[in-house]
PDB file of all heavy atoms in Angstrom:
ATOM      1  N   THR A   1      -9.256   3.144  -2.170  1.00  0.00           N
ATOM      2  CA  THR A   1     -10.412   3.285  -3.033  1.00  0.00           C
ATOM      3  C   THR A   1     -10.427   4.653  -3.596  1.00  0.00           C
ATOM      4  O   THR A   1      -9.935   5.619  -2.999  1.00  0.00           O
ATOM      5  CB  THR A   1     -11.755   2.891  -2.341  1.00  0.00           C
ATOM      6  OG1 THR A   1     -11.890   3.814  -1.329  1.00  0.00           O
ATOM      7  CG2 THR A   1     -11.700   1.438  -1.988  1.00  0.00           C
ATOM      8  N   ASP A   2     -11.192   4.911  -4.810  1.00  0.00           N
ATOM      9  CA  ASP A   2     -11.331   6.240  -5.235  1.00  0.00           C
ATOM     10  C   ASP A   2     -12.154   7.092  -4.301  1.00  0.00           C
ATOM     11  O   ASP A   2     -11.806   8.323  -4.206  1.00  0.00           O
ATOM     12  CB  ASP A   2     -12.171   6.221  -6.598  1.00  0.00           C
ATOM     13  CG  ASP A   2     -11.362   5.617  -7.720  1.00  0.00           C
ATOM     14  OD1 ASP A   2     -10.127   5.554  -7.645  1.00  0.00           O
ATOM     15  OD2 ASP A   2     -11.991   5.054  -8.600  1.00  0.00           O
ATOM     16  N   GLU A   3     -13.006   6.530  -3.428  1.00  0.00           N
ATOM     17  CA  GLU A   3     -13.816   7.265  -2.510  1.00  0.00           C
ATOM     18  C   GLU A   3     -12.862   7.767  -1.349  1.00  0.00           C
ATOM     19  O   GLU A   3     -13.231   8.752  -0.558  1.00  0.00           O
ATOM     20  CB  GLU A   3     -14.832   6.364  -1.856  1.00  0.00           C
ATOM     21  CG  GLU A   3     -15.929   5.995  -2.722  1.00  0.00           C
ATOM     22  CD  GLU A   3     -15.500   4.842  -3.796  1.00  0.00           C
ATOM     23  OE1 GLU A   3     -14.539   4.078  -3.431  1.00  0.00           O
ATOM     24  OE2 GLU A   3     -16.025   4.661  -4.839  1.00  0.00           O
ATOM     25  N   ALA A   4     -11.588   7.267  -1.157  1.00  0.00           N
ATOM     26  CA  ALA A   4     -10.691   7.675  -0.138  1.00  0.00           C
ATOM     27  C   ALA A   4      -9.802   8.841  -0.582  1.00  0.00           C
ATOM     28  O   ALA A   4      -8.912   9.263   0.240  1.00  0.00           O
ATOM     29  CB  ALA A   4      -9.988   6.446   0.428  1.00  0.00           C
ATOM     30  N   LYS A   5      -9.957   9.398  -1.760  1.00  0.00           N
ATOM     31  CA  LYS A   5      -8.979  10.361  -2.222  1.00  0.00           C
ATOM     32  C   LYS A   5      -9.003  11.646  -1.302  1.00  0.00           C
ATOM     33  O   LYS A   5      -7.951  12.261  -1.099  1.00  0.00           O
ATOM     34  CB  LYS A   5      -9.450  10.924  -3.668  1.00  0.00           C
ATOM     35  CG  LYS A   5      -9.266   9.820  -4.758  1.00  0.00           C
ATOM     36  CD  LYS A   5      -7.934   9.721  -5.104  1.00  0.00           C
ATOM     37  CE  LYS A   5      -7.785   8.739  -6.306  1.00  0.00           C
ATOM     38  NZ  LYS A   5      -6.439   8.180  -6.528  1.00  0.00           N
ATOM     39  N   GLY A   6     -10.082  11.853  -0.515  1.00  0.00           N
ATOM     40  CA  GLY A   6     -10.124  13.076   0.331  1.00  0.00           C
ATOM     41  C   GLY A   6      -9.282  12.640   1.598  1.00  0.00           C
ATOM     42  O   GLY A   6      -8.886  13.644   2.384  1.00  0.00           O
ATOM     43  N   GLU A   7      -8.847  11.499   1.817  1.00  0.00           N
ATOM     44  CA  GLU A   7      -7.951  11.194   2.988  1.00  0.00           C
ATOM     45  C   GLU A   7      -6.461  11.237   2.703  1.00  0.00           C
ATOM     46  O   GLU A   7      -5.685  11.078   3.497  1.00  0.00           O
ATOM     47  CB  GLU A   7      -8.290   9.675   3.422  1.00  0.00           C
ATOM     48  CG  GLU A   7      -9.724   9.303   3.662  1.00  0.00           C
ATOM     49  CD  GLU A   7     -10.432  10.213   4.718  1.00  0.00           C
ATOM     50  OE1 GLU A   7      -9.625  10.625   5.647  1.00  0.00           O
ATOM     51  OE2 GLU A   7     -11.587  10.332   4.632  1.00  0.00           O
ATOM     52  N   ILE A   8      -6.200  11.709   1.449  1.00  0.00           N
ATOM     53  CA  ILE A   8      -4.673  11.932   1.031  1.00  0.00           C
ATOM     54  C   ILE A   8      -4.368  13.334   1.177  1.00  0.00           C
ATOM     55  O   ILE A   8      -5.084  14.155   0.653  1.00  0.00           O
ATOM     56  CB  ILE A   8      -4.526  11.471  -0.433  1.00  0.00           C
ATOM     57  CG1 ILE A   8      -4.953   9.976  -0.598  1.00  0.00           C
ATOM     58  CG2 ILE A   8      -3.033  11.690  -0.864  1.00  0.00           C
ATOM     59  CD1 ILE A   8      -4.991   9.549  -2.045  1.00  0.00           C
ATOM     60  N   ARG A   9      -3.268  13.585   1.926  1.00  0.00           N
ATOM     61  CA  ARG A   9      -2.916  14.959   2.074  1.00  0.00           C
ATOM     62  C   ARG A   9      -1.739  15.367   1.085  1.00  0.00           C
ATOM     63  O   ARG A   9      -1.720  16.522   0.647  1.00  0.00           O
ATOM     64  CB  ARG A   9      -2.190  15.124   3.484  1.00  0.00           C
ATOM     65  CG  ARG A   9      -3.309  14.890   4.636  1.00  0.00           C
ATOM     66  CD  ARG A   9      -2.562  15.001   5.966  1.00  0.00           C
ATOM     67  NE  ARG A   9      -3.423  14.575   7.015  1.00  0.00           N
ATOM     68  CZ  ARG A   9      -3.053  14.440   8.336  1.00  0.00           C
ATOM     69  NH1 ARG A   9      -1.807  14.740   8.641  1.00  0.00           N
ATOM     70  NH2 ARG A   9      -3.981  14.195   9.228  1.00  0.00           N
ATOM     71  N   ARG A  10      -0.966  14.317   0.690  1.00  0.00           N
ATOM     72  CA  ARG A  10       0.033  14.628  -0.295  1.00  0.00           C
ATOM     73  C   ARG A  10       0.427  13.216  -0.890  1.00  0.00           C
ATOM     74  O   ARG A  10       0.279  12.273  -0.292  1.00  0.00           O
ATOM     75  CB  ARG A  10       1.253  15.274   0.203  1.00  0.00           C
ATOM     76  CG  ARG A  10       2.037  14.403   1.251  1.00  0.00           C
ATOM     77  CD  ARG A  10       3.408  15.105   1.744  1.00  0.00           C
ATOM     78  NE  ARG A  10       4.019  14.401   2.722  1.00  0.00           N
ATOM     79  CZ  ARG A  10       4.777  13.328   2.670  1.00  0.00           C
ATOM     80  NH1 ARG A  10       4.928  12.684   1.478  1.00  0.00           N
ATOM     81  NH2 ARG A  10       5.195  12.662   3.666  1.00  0.00           N
ATOM     82  N   SER A  11       0.917  13.247  -2.184  1.00  0.00           N
ATOM     83  CA  SER A  11       1.351  11.995  -2.720  1.00  0.00           C
ATOM     84  C   SER A  11       2.488  11.446  -2.031  1.00  0.00           C
ATOM     85  O   SER A  11       3.406  12.057  -1.560  1.00  0.00           O
ATOM     86  CB  SER A  11       1.713  12.202  -4.226  1.00  0.00           C
ATOM     87  OG  SER A  11       0.593  12.551  -4.975  1.00  0.00           O
ATOM     88  N   ALA A  12       2.486  10.062  -1.914  1.00  0.00           N
ATOM     89  CA  ALA A  12       3.612   9.381  -1.323  1.00  0.00           C
ATOM     90  C   ALA A  12       3.539   7.864  -1.654  1.00  0.00           C
ATOM     91  O   ALA A  12       2.507   7.318  -2.024  1.00  0.00           O
ATOM     92  CB  ALA A  12       3.608   9.535   0.237  1.00  0.00           C
ATOM     93  N   LEU A  13       4.610   7.219  -1.640  1.00  0.00           N
ATOM     94  CA  LEU A  13       4.854   5.799  -1.785  1.00  0.00           C
ATOM     95  C   LEU A  13       5.707   5.278  -0.672  1.00  0.00           C
ATOM     96  O   LEU A  13       6.610   6.006  -0.305  1.00  0.00           O
ATOM     97  CB  LEU A  13       5.507   5.427  -3.174  1.00  0.00           C
ATOM     98  CG  LEU A  13       4.694   5.520  -4.365  1.00  0.00           C
ATOM     99  CD1 LEU A  13       4.821   6.842  -5.006  1.00  0.00           C
ATOM    100  CD2 LEU A  13       5.057   4.470  -5.399  1.00  0.00           C
ATOM    101  N   CYS A  14       5.453   4.102  -0.389  1.00  0.00           N
ATOM    102  CA  CYS A  14       6.296   3.433   0.451  1.00  0.00           C
ATOM    103  C   CYS A  14       6.748   2.029  -0.064  1.00  0.00           C
ATOM    104  O   CYS A  14       5.972   1.494  -0.929  1.00  0.00           O
ATOM    105  CB  CYS A  14       5.817   3.222   1.959  1.00  0.00           C
ATOM    106  SG  CYS A  14       4.265   2.067   2.057  1.00  0.00           S
ATOM    107  N   LEU A  15       7.916   1.585   0.344  1.00  0.00           N
ATOM    108  CA  LEU A  15       8.318   0.286  -0.224  1.00  0.00           C
ATOM    109  C   LEU A  15       8.895  -0.545   0.903  1.00  0.00           C
ATOM    110  O   LEU A  15       9.679  -0.112   1.677  1.00  0.00           O
ATOM    111  CB  LEU A  15       9.517   0.495  -1.273  1.00  0.00           C
ATOM    112  CG  LEU A  15       9.990  -0.693  -1.901  1.00  0.00           C
ATOM    113  CD1 LEU A  15      10.384  -0.347  -3.353  1.00  0.00           C
ATOM    114  CD2 LEU A  15      11.015  -1.530  -1.217  1.00  0.00           C
ATOM    115  N   ILE A  16       8.241  -1.714   1.107  1.00  0.00           N
ATOM    116  CA  ILE A  16       8.604  -2.580   2.094  1.00  0.00           C
ATOM    117  C   ILE A  16       9.032  -3.963   1.523  1.00  0.00           C
ATOM    118  O   ILE A  16       8.332  -4.548   0.684  1.00  0.00           O
ATOM    119  CB  ILE A  16       7.422  -2.879   3.058  1.00  0.00           C
ATOM    120  CG1 ILE A  16       6.840  -1.569   3.615  1.00  0.00           C
ATOM    121  CG2 ILE A  16       7.941  -3.812   4.203  1.00  0.00           C
ATOM    122  CD1 ILE A  16       5.502  -1.704   4.256  1.00  0.00           C
ATOM    123  N   ARG A  17      10.163  -4.484   1.895  1.00  0.00           N
ATOM    124  CA  ARG A  17      10.831  -5.773   1.451  1.00  0.00           C
ATOM    125  C   ARG A  17      10.657  -6.774   2.538  1.00  0.00           C
ATOM    126  O   ARG A  17      10.903  -6.412   3.719  1.00  0.00           O
ATOM    127  CB  ARG A  17      12.170  -5.488   1.076  1.00  0.00           C
ATOM    128  CG  ARG A  17      12.903  -6.756   0.524  1.00  0.00           C
ATOM    129  CD  ARG A  17      14.453  -6.595   0.590  1.00  0.00           C
ATOM    130  NE  ARG A  17      15.080  -7.800   0.667  1.00  0.00           N
ATOM    131  CZ  ARG A  17      15.264  -8.504   1.695  1.00  0.00           C
ATOM    132  NH1 ARG A  17      14.917  -8.091   2.910  1.00  0.00           N
ATOM    133  NH2 ARG A  17      15.947  -9.717   1.646  1.00  0.00           N
ATOM    134  N   TYR A  18      10.224  -7.908   2.241  1.00  0.00           N
ATOM    135  CA  TYR A  18      10.041  -9.000   3.267  1.00  0.00           C
ATOM    136  C   TYR A  18      11.119 -10.105   2.965  1.00  0.00           C
ATOM    137  O   TYR A  18      11.249 -10.433   1.753  1.00  0.00           O
ATOM    138  CB  TYR A  18       8.650  -9.518   3.108  1.00  0.00           C
ATOM    139  CG  TYR A  18       7.625  -8.542   3.558  1.00  0.00           C
ATOM    140  CD1 TYR A  18       6.965  -7.816   2.542  1.00  0.00           C
ATOM    141  CD2 TYR A  18       7.414  -8.274   4.917  1.00  0.00           C
ATOM    142  CE1 TYR A  18       6.028  -6.753   3.060  1.00  0.00           C
ATOM    143  CE2 TYR A  18       6.563  -7.376   5.286  1.00  0.00           C
ATOM    144  CZ  TYR A  18       5.775  -6.671   4.495  1.00  0.00           C
ATOM    145  OH  TYR A  18       4.944  -5.605   4.777  1.00  0.00           O
ATOM    146  N   GLU A  19      11.671 -10.496   3.962  1.00  0.00           N
ATOM    147  CA  GLU A  19      12.685 -11.699   3.871  1.00  0.00           C
ATOM    148  C   GLU A  19      11.937 -12.964   3.376  1.00  0.00           C
ATOM    149  O   GLU A  19      12.353 -13.667   2.509  1.00  0.00           O
ATOM    150  CB  GLU A  19      13.456 -11.820   5.089  1.00  0.00           C
ATOM    151  CG  GLU A  19      14.534 -12.798   4.961  1.00  0.00           C
ATOM    152  CD  GLU A  19      15.707 -12.296   3.938  1.00  0.00           C
ATOM    153  OE1 GLU A  19      15.871 -11.121   3.864  1.00  0.00           O
ATOM    154  OE2 GLU A  19      16.161 -13.286   3.165  1.00  0.00           O
ATOM    155  N   GLU A  20      10.716 -13.184   4.047  1.00  0.00           N
ATOM    156  CA  GLU A  20       9.885 -14.354   3.764  1.00  0.00           C
ATOM    157  C   GLU A  20       8.778 -13.909   3.006  1.00  0.00           C
ATOM    158  O   GLU A  20       8.137 -12.854   3.281  1.00  0.00           O
ATOM    159  CB  GLU A  20       9.519 -15.154   5.073  1.00  0.00           C
ATOM    160  CG  GLU A  20      10.669 -15.673   5.799  1.00  0.00           C
ATOM    161  CD  GLU A  20      11.469 -16.810   4.997  1.00  0.00           C
ATOM    162  OE1 GLU A  20      10.754 -17.559   4.340  1.00  0.00           O
ATOM    163  OE2 GLU A  20      12.778 -16.748   5.064  1.00  0.00           O
ATOM    164  N   PRO A  21       8.339 -14.796   1.981  1.00  0.00           N
ATOM    165  CA  PRO A  21       7.124 -14.278   1.216  1.00  0.00           C
ATOM    166  C   PRO A  21       5.920 -14.142   2.091  1.00  0.00           C
ATOM    167  O   PRO A  21       5.661 -15.054   2.919  1.00  0.00           O
ATOM    168  CB  PRO A  21       6.970 -15.424   0.242  1.00  0.00           C
ATOM    169  CG  PRO A  21       8.325 -16.210   0.199  1.00  0.00           C
ATOM    170  CD  PRO A  21       8.968 -15.964   1.559  1.00  0.00           C
ATOM    171  N   VAL A  22       5.038 -13.241   1.761  1.00  0.00           N
ATOM    172  CA  VAL A  22       3.733 -12.985   2.326  1.00  0.00           C
ATOM    173  C   VAL A  22       2.772 -13.750   1.356  1.00  0.00           C
ATOM    174  O   VAL A  22       2.836 -13.526   0.186  1.00  0.00           O
ATOM    175  CB  VAL A  22       3.454 -11.603   2.552  1.00  0.00           C
ATOM    176  CG1 VAL A  22       1.993 -11.320   2.976  1.00  0.00           C
ATOM    177  CG2 VAL A  22       4.419 -10.961   3.661  1.00  0.00           C
ATOM    178  N   ASP A  23       1.836 -14.533   1.943  1.00  0.00           N
ATOM    179  CA  ASP A  23       0.808 -15.152   1.031  1.00  0.00           C
ATOM    180  C   ASP A  23      -0.292 -14.153   0.599  1.00  0.00           C
ATOM    181  O   ASP A  23      -0.918 -13.678   1.455  1.00  0.00           O
ATOM    182  CB  ASP A  23       0.257 -16.303   1.818  1.00  0.00           C
ATOM    183  CG  ASP A  23      -0.939 -16.936   0.935  1.00  0.00           C
ATOM    184  OD1 ASP A  23      -1.209 -16.586  -0.166  1.00  0.00           O
ATOM    185  OD2 ASP A  23      -1.356 -18.106   1.357  1.00  0.00           O
ATOM    186  N   TRP A  24      -0.362 -13.808  -0.729  1.00  0.00           N
ATOM    187  CA  TRP A  24      -1.199 -12.775  -1.231  1.00  0.00           C
ATOM    188  C   TRP A  24      -2.232 -13.616  -2.062  1.00  0.00           C
ATOM    189  O   TRP A  24      -2.021 -13.757  -3.271  1.00  0.00           O
ATOM    190  CB  TRP A  24      -0.342 -11.815  -2.117  1.00  0.00           C
ATOM    191  CG  TRP A  24      -1.012 -10.478  -2.069  1.00  0.00           C
ATOM    192  CD1 TRP A  24      -2.104  -9.934  -2.763  1.00  0.00           C
ATOM    193  CD2 TRP A  24      -0.625  -9.398  -1.176  1.00  0.00           C
ATOM    194  NE1 TRP A  24      -2.280  -8.599  -2.552  1.00  0.00           N
ATOM    195  CE2 TRP A  24      -1.425  -8.180  -1.447  1.00  0.00           C
ATOM    196  CE3 TRP A  24       0.360  -9.190  -0.111  1.00  0.00           C
ATOM    197  CZ2 TRP A  24      -1.289  -6.980  -0.748  1.00  0.00           C
ATOM    198  CZ3 TRP A  24       0.454  -7.911   0.382  1.00  0.00           C
ATOM    199  CH2 TRP A  24      -0.304  -6.910   0.076  1.00  0.00           C
ATOM    200  N   ASP A  25      -3.125 -14.159  -1.451  1.00  0.00           N
ATOM    201  CA  ASP A  25      -4.126 -14.997  -2.070  1.00  0.00           C
ATOM    202  C   ASP A  25      -3.524 -16.128  -2.997  1.00  0.00           C
ATOM    203  O   ASP A  25      -3.870 -16.223  -4.133  1.00  0.00           O
ATOM    204  CB  ASP A  25      -5.086 -14.099  -2.993  1.00  0.00           C
ATOM    205  CG  ASP A  25      -5.813 -13.127  -2.172  1.00  0.00           C
ATOM    206  OD1 ASP A  25      -6.212 -13.409  -1.060  1.00  0.00           O
ATOM    207  OD2 ASP A  25      -5.904 -11.935  -2.638  1.00  0.00           O
ATOM    208  N   GLY A  26      -2.585 -16.759  -2.363  1.00  0.00           N
ATOM    209  CA  GLY A  26      -1.957 -17.915  -3.111  1.00  0.00           C
ATOM    210  C   GLY A  26      -0.622 -17.550  -3.918  1.00  0.00           C
ATOM    211  O   GLY A  26       0.010 -18.332  -4.472  1.00  0.00           O
TER     212      GLY A  26
END
């Protein structure tokens, strides 16, 4: 959330690939 910007020390992204689909609200 925008309120959590103070919890970020530096910019980063992670990428995780799943073999089987994860149900994301259908």
